């Protein structure tokens, strides 16, 4: 698991999440994973293009919703805690993150 974390993480920061937050985010990802598998199945069964496109749009929407929840949690916890601790550099990190999300 550590190898996966090293591969996926872009920095050495970590966030311990409360169980309810982690459960909500994991449930969202599992639903998205199921939607992607459904699209794969549709493609294998030669489903009509527009039907697949609509399902892809649903996945994109679900990922955007996931990002909104995660970003909200990040601002309420990581960003707020860092500002309270006097670490204003977190604001630059947040701005850079928002710029990447808005591409």
PDB file of N, CA and C in Angstrom:
ATOM      1  N   UNK A   1       0.818  -1.192   0.000  1.00  0.00           N
ATOM      2  CA  UNK A   1       0.000   0.000   0.000  1.00  0.00           C
ATOM      3  C   UNK A   1       0.865   1.260   0.000  1.00  0.00           C
ATOM      4  N   UNK A   2       1.996   1.224   0.704  1.00  0.00           N
ATOM      5  CA  UNK A   2       2.872   2.393   0.742  1.00  0.00           C
ATOM      6  C   UNK A   2       3.390   2.741  -0.640  1.00  0.00           C
ATOM      7  N   UNK A   3       3.675   1.712  -1.456  1.00  0.00           N
ATOM      8  CA  UNK A   3       4.141   1.976  -2.817  1.00  0.00           C
ATOM      9  C   UNK A   3       3.076   2.711  -3.615  1.00  0.00           C
ATOM     10  N   UNK A   4       1.830   2.333  -3.428  1.00  0.00           N
ATOM     11  CA  UNK A   4       0.731   3.001  -4.122  1.00  0.00           C
ATOM     12  C   UNK A   4       0.648   4.448  -3.662  1.00  0.00           C
ATOM     13  N   UNK A   5       0.722   4.678  -2.354  1.00  0.00           N
ATOM     14  CA  UNK A   5       0.662   6.047  -1.833  1.00  0.00           C
ATOM     15  C   UNK A   5       1.799   6.894  -2.386  1.00  0.00           C
ATOM     16  N   UNK A   6       3.002   6.335  -2.459  1.00  0.00           N
ATOM     17  CA  UNK A   6       4.140   7.084  -2.985  1.00  0.00           C
ATOM     18  C   UNK A   6       3.925   7.418  -4.450  1.00  0.00           C
ATOM     19  N   UNK A   7       3.307   6.528  -5.186  1.00  0.00           N
ATOM     20  CA  UNK A   7       3.070   6.750  -6.605  1.00  0.00           C
ATOM     21  C   UNK A   7       1.980   7.792  -6.822  1.00  0.00           C
ATOM     22  N   UNK A   8       0.916   7.743  -6.037  1.00  0.00           N
ATOM     23  CA  UNK A   8      -0.238   8.604  -6.248  1.00  0.00           C
ATOM     24  C   UNK A   8      -0.097   9.986  -5.618  1.00  0.00           C
ATOM     25  N   UNK A   9       0.643  10.099  -4.544  1.00  0.00           N
ATOM     26  CA  UNK A   9       0.758  11.373  -3.837  1.00  0.00           C
ATOM     27  C   UNK A   9       1.787  12.264  -4.505  1.00  0.00           C
ATOM     28  N   UNK A  10       1.439  13.530  -4.611  1.00  0.00           N
ATOM     29  CA  UNK A  10       2.351  14.475  -5.245  1.00  0.00           C
ATOM     30  C   UNK A  10       3.190  15.215  -4.209  1.00  0.00           C
ATOM     31  N   UNK A  11       2.909  14.997  -2.945  1.00  0.00           N
ATOM     32  CA  UNK A  11       3.676  15.649  -1.892  1.00  0.00           C
ATOM     33  C   UNK A  11       3.709  14.715  -0.683  1.00  0.00           C
ATOM     34  N   UNK A  12       4.357  15.145   0.353  1.00  0.00           N
ATOM     35  CA  UNK A  12       4.486  14.307   1.547  1.00  0.00           C
ATOM     36  C   UNK A  12       3.446  14.621   2.611  1.00  0.00           C
ATOM     37  N   UNK A  13       2.413  15.349   2.262  1.00  0.00           N
ATOM     38  CA  UNK A  13       1.370  15.689   3.218  1.00  0.00           C
ATOM     39  C   UNK A  13       0.304  14.597   3.237  1.00  0.00           C
ATOM     40  N   UNK A  14      -0.272  14.395   4.407  1.00  0.00           N
ATOM     41  CA  UNK A  14      -1.343  13.414   4.549  1.00  0.00           C
ATOM     42  C   UNK A  14      -2.459  14.023   5.385  1.00  0.00           C
ATOM     43  N   UNK A  15      -3.653  13.474   5.225  1.00  0.00           N
ATOM     44  CA  UNK A  15      -4.813  13.964   5.968  1.00  0.00           C
ATOM     45  C   UNK A  15      -5.549  12.777   6.547  1.00  0.00           C
ATOM     46  N   UNK A  16      -5.637  12.742   7.863  1.00  0.00           N
ATOM     47  CA  UNK A  16      -6.462  11.725   8.501  1.00  0.00           C
ATOM     48  C   UNK A  16      -7.894  12.225   8.494  1.00  0.00           C
ATOM     49  N   UNK A  17      -8.779  11.435   7.918  1.00  0.00           N
ATOM     50  CA  UNK A  17     -10.174  11.831   7.799  1.00  0.00           C
ATOM     51  C   UNK A  17     -11.021  11.127   8.847  1.00  0.00           C
ATOM     52  N   UNK A  18     -12.056  11.812   9.311  1.00  0.00           N
ATOM     53  CA  UNK A  18     -12.996  11.154  10.214  1.00  0.00           C
ATOM     54  C   UNK A  18     -13.719  10.070   9.423  1.00  0.00           C
ATOM     55  N   UNK A  19     -14.188   9.068  10.125  1.00  0.00           N
ATOM     56  CA  UNK A  19     -14.807   7.916   9.460  1.00  0.00           C
ATOM     57  C   UNK A  19     -15.964   8.302   8.553  1.00  0.00           C
ATOM     58  N   UNK A  20     -16.801   9.243   8.988  1.00  0.00           N
ATOM     59  CA  UNK A  20     -17.971   9.606   8.185  1.00  0.00           C
ATOM     60  C   UNK A  20     -17.552  10.260   6.870  1.00  0.00           C
ATOM     61  N   UNK A  21     -16.520  11.104   6.906  1.00  0.00           N
ATOM     62  CA  UNK A  21     -16.032  11.746   5.682  1.00  0.00           C
ATOM     63  C   UNK A  21     -15.437  10.701   4.740  1.00  0.00           C
ATOM     64  N   UNK A  22     -14.607   9.835   5.285  1.00  0.00           N
ATOM     65  CA  UNK A  22     -13.976   8.799   4.457  1.00  0.00           C
ATOM     66  C   UNK A  22     -15.023   7.876   3.843  1.00  0.00           C
ATOM     67  N   UNK A  23     -16.030   7.496   4.654  1.00  0.00           N
ATOM     68  CA  UNK A  23     -17.083   6.602   4.172  1.00  0.00           C
ATOM     69  C   UNK A  23     -17.861   7.249   3.029  1.00  0.00           C
ATOM     70  N   UNK A  24     -18.217   8.534   3.197  1.00  0.00           N
ATOM     71  CA  UNK A  24     -18.949   9.251   2.150  1.00  0.00           C
ATOM     72  C   UNK A  24     -18.136   9.310   0.860  1.00  0.00           C
ATOM     73  N   UNK A  25     -16.862   9.684   0.965  1.00  0.00           N
ATOM     74  CA  UNK A  25     -16.022   9.789  -0.233  1.00  0.00           C
ATOM     75  C   UNK A  25     -15.825   8.430  -0.896  1.00  0.00           C
ATOM     76  N   UNK A  26     -15.604   7.392  -0.086  1.00  0.00           N
ATOM     77  CA  UNK A  26     -15.418   6.051  -0.646  1.00  0.00           C
ATOM     78  C   UNK A  26     -16.689   5.565  -1.347  1.00  0.00           C
ATOM     79  N   UNK A  27     -17.854   5.833  -0.747  1.00  0.00           N
ATOM     80  CA  UNK A  27     -19.116   5.432  -1.374  1.00  0.00           C
ATOM     81  C   UNK A  27     -19.300   6.126  -2.720  1.00  0.00           C
ATOM     82  N   UNK A  28     -18.952   7.405  -2.771  1.00  0.00           N
ATOM     83  CA  UNK A  28     -19.054   8.139  -4.034  1.00  0.00           C
ATOM     84  C   UNK A  28     -18.144   7.510  -5.090  1.00  0.00           C
ATOM     85  N   UNK A  29     -16.907   7.195  -4.702  1.00  0.00           N
ATOM     86  CA  UNK A  29     -15.961   6.599  -5.657  1.00  0.00           C
ATOM     87  C   UNK A  29     -16.419   5.217  -6.112  1.00  0.00           C
ATOM     88  N   UNK A  30     -16.961   4.432  -5.208  1.00  0.00           N
ATOM     89  CA  UNK A  30     -17.441   3.097  -5.588  1.00  0.00           C
ATOM     90  C   UNK A  30     -18.606   3.197  -6.574  1.00  0.00           C
ATOM     91  N   UNK A  31     -19.482   4.190  -6.370  1.00  0.00           N
ATOM     92  CA  UNK A  31     -20.578   4.409  -7.312  1.00  0.00           C
ATOM     93  C   UNK A  31     -20.032   4.798  -8.687  1.00  0.00           C
ATOM     94  N   UNK A  32     -19.050   5.679  -8.695  1.00  0.00           N
ATOM     95  CA  UNK A  32     -18.431   6.118  -9.951  1.00  0.00           C
ATOM     96  C   UNK A  32     -17.756   4.936 -10.634  1.00  0.00           C
ATOM     97  N   UNK A  33     -17.071   4.124  -9.852  1.00  0.00           N
ATOM     98  CA  UNK A  33     -16.413   2.934 -10.407  1.00  0.00           C
ATOM     99  C   UNK A  33     -17.449   2.017 -11.065  1.00  0.00           C
ATOM    100  N   UNK A  34     -18.594   1.851 -10.417  1.00  0.00           N
ATOM    101  CA  UNK A  34     -19.661   1.038 -10.989  1.00  0.00           C
ATOM    102  C   UNK A  34     -20.195   1.638 -12.278  1.00  0.00           C
ATOM    103  N   UNK A  35     -20.313   2.964 -12.317  1.00  0.00           N
ATOM    104  CA  UNK A  35     -20.771   3.630 -13.535  1.00  0.00           C
ATOM    105  C   UNK A  35     -19.775   3.404 -14.680  1.00  0.00           C
ATOM    106  N   UNK A  36     -18.488   3.492 -14.369  1.00  0.00           N
ATOM    107  CA  UNK A  36     -17.465   3.288 -15.399  1.00  0.00           C
ATOM    108  C   UNK A  36     -17.518   1.847 -15.906  1.00  0.00           C
ATOM    109  N   UNK A  37     -17.704   0.903 -15.003  1.00  0.00           N
ATOM    110  CA  UNK A  37     -17.838  -0.497 -15.430  1.00  0.00           C
ATOM    111  C   UNK A  37     -19.073  -0.667 -16.316  1.00  0.00           C
ATOM    112  N   UNK A  38     -20.137   0.053 -15.994  1.00  0.00           N
ATOM    113  CA  UNK A  38     -21.335   0.007 -16.822  1.00  0.00           C
ATOM    114  C   UNK A  38     -21.072   0.526 -18.220  1.00  0.00           C
ATOM    115  N   UNK A  39     -20.296   1.584 -18.320  1.00  0.00           N
ATOM    116  CA  UNK A  39     -19.937   2.134 -19.633  1.00  0.00           C
ATOM    117  C   UNK A  39     -19.108   1.124 -20.407  1.00  0.00           C
ATOM    118  N   UNK A  40     -18.175   0.489 -19.725  1.00  0.00           N
ATOM    119  CA  UNK A  40     -17.358  -0.539 -20.366  1.00  0.00           C
ATOM    120  C   UNK A  40     -18.247  -1.663 -20.907  1.00  0.00           C
ATOM    121  N   UNK A  41     -19.226  -2.063 -20.128  1.00  0.00           N
ATOM    122  CA  UNK A  41     -20.157  -3.105 -20.550  1.00  0.00           C
ATOM    123  C   UNK A  41     -20.977  -2.648 -21.753  1.00  0.00           C
ATOM    124  N   UNK A  42     -21.418  -1.399 -21.723  1.00  0.00           N
ATOM    125  CA  UNK A  42     -22.169  -0.857 -22.852  1.00  0.00           C
ATOM    126  C   UNK A  42     -21.338  -0.901 -24.130  1.00  0.00           C
ATOM    127  N   UNK A  43     -20.078  -0.544 -23.999  1.00  0.00           N
ATOM    128  CA  UNK A  43     -19.189  -0.549 -25.162  1.00  0.00           C
ATOM    129  C   UNK A  43     -18.994  -1.967 -25.687  1.00  0.00           C
ATOM    130  N   UNK A  44     -18.799  -2.901 -24.773  1.00  0.00           N
ATOM    131  CA  UNK A  44     -18.632  -4.303 -25.176  1.00  0.00           C
ATOM    132  C   UNK A  44     -19.879  -4.838 -25.874  1.00  0.00           C
ATOM    133  N   UNK A  45     -21.053  -4.324 -25.491  1.00  0.00           N
ATOM    134  CA  UNK A  45     -22.322  -4.784 -26.068  1.00  0.00           C
ATOM    135  C   UNK A  45     -22.753  -3.926 -27.247  1.00  0.00           C
ATOM    136  N   UNK A  46     -21.833  -3.087 -27.741  1.00  0.00           N
ATOM    137  CA  UNK A  46     -22.095  -2.234 -28.908  1.00  0.00           C
ATOM    138  C   UNK A  46     -23.307  -1.326 -28.709  1.00  0.00           C
ATOM    139  N   UNK A  47     -23.415  -0.735 -27.528  1.00  0.00           N
ATOM    140  CA  UNK A  47     -24.514   0.191 -27.257  1.00  0.00           C
ATOM    141  C   UNK A  47     -24.404   1.407 -28.175  1.00  0.00           C
ATOM    142  N   UNK A  48     -25.497   2.059 -28.366  1.00  0.00           N
ATOM    143  CA  UNK A  48     -25.567   3.240 -29.228  1.00  0.00           C
ATOM    144  C   UNK A  48     -24.722   4.372 -28.639  1.00  0.00           C
ATOM    145  N   UNK A  49     -24.068   5.113 -29.512  1.00  0.00           N
ATOM    146  CA  UNK A  49     -23.119   6.162 -29.105  1.00  0.00           C
ATOM    147  C   UNK A  49     -23.705   7.155 -28.113  1.00  0.00           C
ATOM    148  N   UNK A  50     -24.892   7.668 -28.406  1.00  0.00           N
ATOM    149  CA  UNK A  50     -25.448   8.693 -27.516  1.00  0.00           C
ATOM    150  C   UNK A  50     -25.776   8.133 -26.135  1.00  0.00           C
ATOM    151  N   UNK A  51     -26.152   6.858 -26.068  1.00  0.00           N
ATOM    152  CA  UNK A  51     -26.411   6.243 -24.767  1.00  0.00           C
ATOM    153  C   UNK A  51     -25.128   6.200 -23.937  1.00  0.00           C
ATOM    154  N   UNK A  52     -24.027   5.868 -24.583  1.00  0.00           N
ATOM    155  CA  UNK A  52     -22.736   5.842 -23.887  1.00  0.00           C
ATOM    156  C   UNK A  52     -22.332   7.253 -23.480  1.00  0.00           C
ATOM    157  N   UNK A  53     -22.503   8.205 -24.383  1.00  0.00           N
ATOM    158  CA  UNK A  53     -22.133   9.590 -24.076  1.00  0.00           C
ATOM    159  C   UNK A  53     -22.896  10.128 -22.866  1.00  0.00           C
ATOM    160  N   UNK A  54     -24.155   9.781 -22.758  1.00  0.00           N
ATOM    161  CA  UNK A  54     -24.962  10.232 -21.622  1.00  0.00           C
ATOM    162  C   UNK A  54     -24.421   9.640 -20.322  1.00  0.00           C
ATOM    163  N   UNK A  55     -24.029   8.368 -20.372  1.00  0.00           N
ATOM    164  CA  UNK A  55     -23.465   7.740 -19.176  1.00  0.00           C
ATOM    165  C   UNK A  55     -22.104   8.336 -18.819  1.00  0.00           C
ATOM    166  N   UNK A  56     -21.306   8.672 -19.814  1.00  0.00           N
ATOM    167  CA  UNK A  56     -20.015   9.325 -19.560  1.00  0.00           C
ATOM    168  C   UNK A  56     -20.257  10.687 -18.909  1.00  0.00           C
ATOM    169  N   UNK A  57     -21.245  11.395 -19.387  1.00  0.00           N
ATOM    170  CA  UNK A  57     -21.592  12.684 -18.800  1.00  0.00           C
ATOM    171  C   UNK A  57     -21.994  12.529 -17.337  1.00  0.00           C
ATOM    172  N   UNK A  58     -22.700  11.463 -17.014  1.00  0.00           N
ATOM    173  CA  UNK A  58     -23.095  11.202 -15.630  1.00  0.00           C
ATOM    174  C   UNK A  58     -21.868  10.950 -14.749  1.00  0.00           C
ATOM    175  N   UNK A  59     -20.869  10.247 -15.291  1.00  0.00           N
ATOM    176  CA  UNK A  59     -19.635   9.993 -14.548  1.00  0.00           C
ATOM    177  C   UNK A  59     -18.873  11.296 -14.314  1.00  0.00           C
ATOM    178  N   UNK A  60     -18.790  12.121 -15.343  1.00  0.00           N
ATOM    179  CA  UNK A  60     -18.113  13.416 -15.205  1.00  0.00           C
ATOM    180  C   UNK A  60     -18.803  14.252 -14.125  1.00  0.00           C
ATOM    181  N   UNK A  61     -20.125  14.258 -14.124  1.00  0.00           N
ATOM    182  CA  UNK A  61     -20.883  14.993 -13.127  1.00  0.00           C
ATOM    183  C   UNK A  61     -20.626  14.440 -11.723  1.00  0.00           C
ATOM    184  N   UNK A  62     -20.577  13.127 -11.610  1.00  0.00           N
ATOM    185  CA  UNK A  62     -20.317  12.501 -10.310  1.00  0.00           C
ATOM    186  C   UNK A  62     -18.907  12.828  -9.816  1.00  0.00           C
ATOM    187  N   UNK A  63     -17.935  12.843 -10.709  1.00  0.00           N
ATOM    188  CA  UNK A  63     -16.567  13.206 -10.327  1.00  0.00           C
ATOM    189  C   UNK A  63     -16.497  14.670  -9.903  1.00  0.00           C
ATOM    190  N   UNK A  64     -17.209  15.537 -10.602  1.00  0.00           N
ATOM    191  CA  UNK A  64     -17.252  16.950 -10.215  1.00  0.00           C
ATOM    192  C   UNK A  64     -17.878  17.110  -8.829  1.00  0.00           C
ATOM    193  N   UNK A  65     -18.920  16.357  -8.562  1.00  0.00           N
ATOM    194  CA  UNK A  65     -19.557  16.400  -7.253  1.00  0.00           C
ATOM    195  C   UNK A  65     -18.596  15.907  -6.172  1.00  0.00           C
ATOM    196  N   UNK A  66     -17.865  14.839  -6.462  1.00  0.00           N
ATOM    197  CA  UNK A  66     -16.850  14.325  -5.542  1.00  0.00           C
ATOM    198  C   UNK A  66     -15.824  15.411  -5.236  1.00  0.00           C
ATOM    199  N   UNK A  67     -15.351  16.092  -6.280  1.00  0.00           N
ATOM    200  CA  UNK A  67     -14.363  17.163  -6.108  1.00  0.00           C
ATOM    201  C   UNK A  67     -14.912  18.290  -5.242  1.00  0.00           C
ATOM    202  N   UNK A  68     -16.173  18.657  -5.442  1.00  0.00           N
ATOM    203  CA  UNK A  68     -16.770  19.738  -4.653  1.00  0.00           C
ATOM    204  C   UNK A  68     -16.813  19.378  -3.170  1.00  0.00           C
ATOM    205  N   UNK A  69     -17.201  18.145  -2.878  1.00  0.00           N
ATOM    206  CA  UNK A  69     -17.262  17.697  -1.483  1.00  0.00           C
ATOM    207  C   UNK A  69     -15.859  17.677  -0.888  1.00  0.00           C
ATOM    208  N   UNK A  70     -14.901  17.104  -1.614  1.00  0.00           N
ATOM    209  CA  UNK A  70     -13.532  17.015  -1.124  1.00  0.00           C
ATOM    210  C   UNK A  70     -12.925  18.403  -0.932  1.00  0.00           C
ATOM    211  N   UNK A  71     -13.160  19.302  -1.877  1.00  0.00           N
ATOM    212  CA  UNK A  71     -12.642  20.665  -1.762  1.00  0.00           C
ATOM    213  C   UNK A  71     -13.263  21.381  -0.562  1.00  0.00           C
ATOM    214  N   UNK A  72     -14.554  21.230  -0.376  1.00  0.00           N
ATOM    215  CA  UNK A  72     -15.217  21.841   0.773  1.00  0.00           C
ATOM    216  C   UNK A  72     -14.638  21.338   2.082  1.00  0.00           C
ATOM    217  N   UNK A  73     -14.440  20.025   2.174  1.00  0.00           N
ATOM    218  CA  UNK A  73     -13.838  19.444   3.376  1.00  0.00           C
ATOM    219  C   UNK A  73     -12.418  19.976   3.575  1.00  0.00           C
ATOM    220  N   UNK A  74     -11.672  20.104   2.485  1.00  0.00           N
ATOM    221  CA  UNK A  74     -10.290  20.589   2.550  1.00  0.00           C
ATOM    222  C   UNK A  74     -10.245  22.017   3.095  1.00  0.00           C
ATOM    223  N   UNK A  75     -11.108  22.866   2.582  1.00  0.00           N
ATOM    224  CA  UNK A  75     -11.124  24.261   3.029  1.00  0.00           C
ATOM    225  C   UNK A  75     -11.520  24.338   4.510  1.00  0.00           C
ATOM    226  N   UNK A  76     -12.532  23.559   4.898  1.00  0.00           N
ATOM    227  CA  UNK A  76     -13.021  23.612   6.281  1.00  0.00           C
ATOM    228  C   UNK A  76     -12.028  23.041   7.292  1.00  0.00           C
ATOM    229  N   UNK A  77     -11.170  22.143   6.846  1.00  0.00           N
ATOM    230  CA  UNK A  77     -10.247  21.506   7.791  1.00  0.00           C
ATOM    231  C   UNK A  77      -8.805  21.940   7.528  1.00  0.00           C
ATOM    232  N   UNK A  78      -8.207  21.416   6.498  1.00  0.00           N
ATOM    233  CA  UNK A  78      -6.773  21.660   6.235  1.00  0.00           C
ATOM    234  C   UNK A  78      -6.457  23.149   6.111  1.00  0.00           C
ATOM    235  N   UNK A  79      -7.194  23.842   5.280  1.00  0.00           N
ATOM    236  CA  UNK A  79      -6.916  25.261   5.042  1.00  0.00           C
ATOM    237  C   UNK A  79      -7.181  26.063   6.311  1.00  0.00           C
ATOM    238  N   UNK A  80      -8.333  25.868   6.934  1.00  0.00           N
ATOM    239  CA  UNK A  80      -8.681  26.625   8.139  1.00  0.00           C
ATOM    240  C   UNK A  80      -7.682  26.359   9.265  1.00  0.00           C
ATOM    241  N   UNK A  81      -7.313  25.094   9.455  1.00  0.00           N
ATOM    242  CA  UNK A  81      -6.360  24.756  10.518  1.00  0.00           C
ATOM    243  C   UNK A  81      -5.007  25.409  10.275  1.00  0.00           C
ATOM    244  N   UNK A  82      -4.543  25.394   9.027  1.00  0.00           N
ATOM    245  CA  UNK A  82      -3.250  26.001   8.696  1.00  0.00           C
ATOM    246  C   UNK A  82      -3.279  27.513   8.898  1.00  0.00           C
ATOM    247  N   UNK A  83      -4.365  28.149   8.519  1.00  0.00           N
ATOM    248  CA  UNK A  83      -4.472  29.602   8.708  1.00  0.00           C
ATOM    249  C   UNK A  83      -4.471  29.936  10.202  1.00  0.00           C
ATOM    250  N   UNK A  84      -5.236  29.162  10.982  1.00  0.00           N
ATOM    251  CA  UNK A  84      -5.256  29.382  12.436  1.00  0.00           C
ATOM    252  C   UNK A  84      -3.873  29.209  13.054  1.00  0.00           C
ATOM    253  N   UNK A  85      -3.068  28.301  12.464  1.00  0.00           N
ATOM    254  CA  UNK A  85      -1.717  28.045  12.972  1.00  0.00           C
ATOM    255  C   UNK A  85      -0.706  29.062  12.444  1.00  0.00           C
ATOM    256  N   UNK A  86      -1.174  29.996  11.615  1.00  0.00           N
ATOM    257  CA  UNK A  86      -0.286  31.039  11.106  1.00  0.00           C
ATOM    258  C   UNK A  86       0.422  30.685   9.812  1.00  0.00           C
ATOM    259  N   UNK A  87       0.032  29.584   9.185  1.00  0.00           N
ATOM    260  CA  UNK A  87       0.653  29.161   7.932  1.00  0.00           C
ATOM    261  C   UNK A  87      -0.169  29.700   6.758  1.00  0.00           C
ATOM    262  N   UNK A  88       0.158  30.920   6.351  1.00  0.00           N
ATOM    263  CA  UNK A  88      -0.573  31.549   5.245  1.00  0.00           C
ATOM    264  C   UNK A  88      -0.175  30.992   3.875  1.00  0.00           C
ATOM    265  N   UNK A  89       0.888  30.182   3.819  1.00  0.00           N
ATOM    266  CA  UNK A  89       1.293  29.566   2.557  1.00  0.00           C
ATOM    267  C   UNK A  89       0.202  28.649   2.009  1.00  0.00           C
ATOM    268  N   UNK A  90      -0.653  28.173   2.899  1.00  0.00           N
ATOM    269  CA  UNK A  90      -1.746  27.291   2.482  1.00  0.00           C
ATOM    270  C   UNK A  90      -2.670  28.006   1.505  1.00  0.00           C
ATOM    271  N   UNK A  91      -2.753  29.321   1.608  1.00  0.00           N
ATOM    272  CA  UNK A  91      -3.604  30.082   0.694  1.00  0.00           C
ATOM    273  C   UNK A  91      -3.063  29.998  -0.724  1.00  0.00           C
ATOM    274  N   UNK A  92      -1.735  30.124  -0.879  1.00  0.00           N
ATOM    275  CA  UNK A  92      -1.122  29.980  -2.204  1.00  0.00           C
ATOM    276  C   UNK A  92      -1.355  28.582  -2.761  1.00  0.00           C
ATOM    277  N   UNK A  93      -1.269  27.569  -1.882  1.00  0.00           N
ATOM    278  CA  UNK A  93      -1.515  26.191  -2.318  1.00  0.00           C
ATOM    279  C   UNK A  93      -2.958  26.029  -2.781  1.00  0.00           C
ATOM    280  N   UNK A  94      -3.894  26.620  -2.043  1.00  0.00           N
ATOM    281  CA  UNK A  94      -5.306  26.537  -2.412  1.00  0.00           C
ATOM    282  C   UNK A  94      -5.561  27.227  -3.744  1.00  0.00           C
ATOM    283  N   UNK A  95      -4.977  28.398  -3.939  1.00  0.00           N
ATOM    284  CA  UNK A  95      -5.145  29.128  -5.199  1.00  0.00           C
ATOM    285  C   UNK A  95      -4.598  28.296  -6.358  1.00  0.00           C
ATOM    286  N   UNK A  96      -3.429  27.707  -6.182  1.00  0.00           N
ATOM    287  CA  UNK A  96      -2.834  26.870  -7.237  1.00  0.00           C
ATOM    288  C   UNK A  96      -3.715  25.656  -7.538  1.00  0.00           C
ATOM    289  N   UNK A  97      -4.275  25.073  -6.506  1.00  0.00           N
ATOM    290  CA  UNK A  97      -5.169  23.927  -6.683  1.00  0.00           C
ATOM    291  C   UNK A  97      -6.421  24.335  -7.453  1.00  0.00           C
ATOM    292  N   UNK A  98      -7.018  25.459  -7.072  1.00  0.00           N
ATOM    293  CA  UNK A  98      -8.210  25.933  -7.767  1.00  0.00           C
ATOM    294  C   UNK A  98      -7.922  26.236  -9.233  1.00  0.00           C
ATOM    295  N   UNK A  99      -6.749  26.798  -9.513  1.00  0.00           N
ATOM    296  CA  UNK A  99      -6.381  27.076 -10.897  1.00  0.00           C
ATOM    297  C   UNK A  99      -6.266  25.788 -11.707  1.00  0.00           C
ATOM    298  N   UNK A 100      -5.716  24.736 -11.100  1.00  0.00           N
ATOM    299  CA  UNK A 100      -5.608  23.443 -11.786  1.00  0.00           C
ATOM    300  C   UNK A 100      -6.993  22.841 -12.016  1.00  0.00           C
ATOM    301  N   UNK A 101      -7.887  22.996 -11.042  1.00  0.00           N
ATOM    302  CA  UNK A 101      -9.231  22.439 -11.174  1.00  0.00           C
ATOM    303  C   UNK A 101     -10.060  23.160 -12.243  1.00  0.00           C
ATOM    304  N   UNK A 102      -9.724  24.416 -12.502  1.00  0.00           N
ATOM    305  CA  UNK A 102     -10.530  25.223 -13.430  1.00  0.00           C
ATOM    306  C   UNK A 102     -10.014  25.171 -14.854  1.00  0.00           C
ATOM    307  N   UNK A 103      -9.076  24.312 -15.154  1.00  0.00           N
ATOM    308  CA  UNK A 103      -8.563  24.219 -16.527  1.00  0.00           C
ATOM    309  C   UNK A 103      -9.630  23.735 -17.470  1.00  0.00           C
TER     310      UNK A 103
END
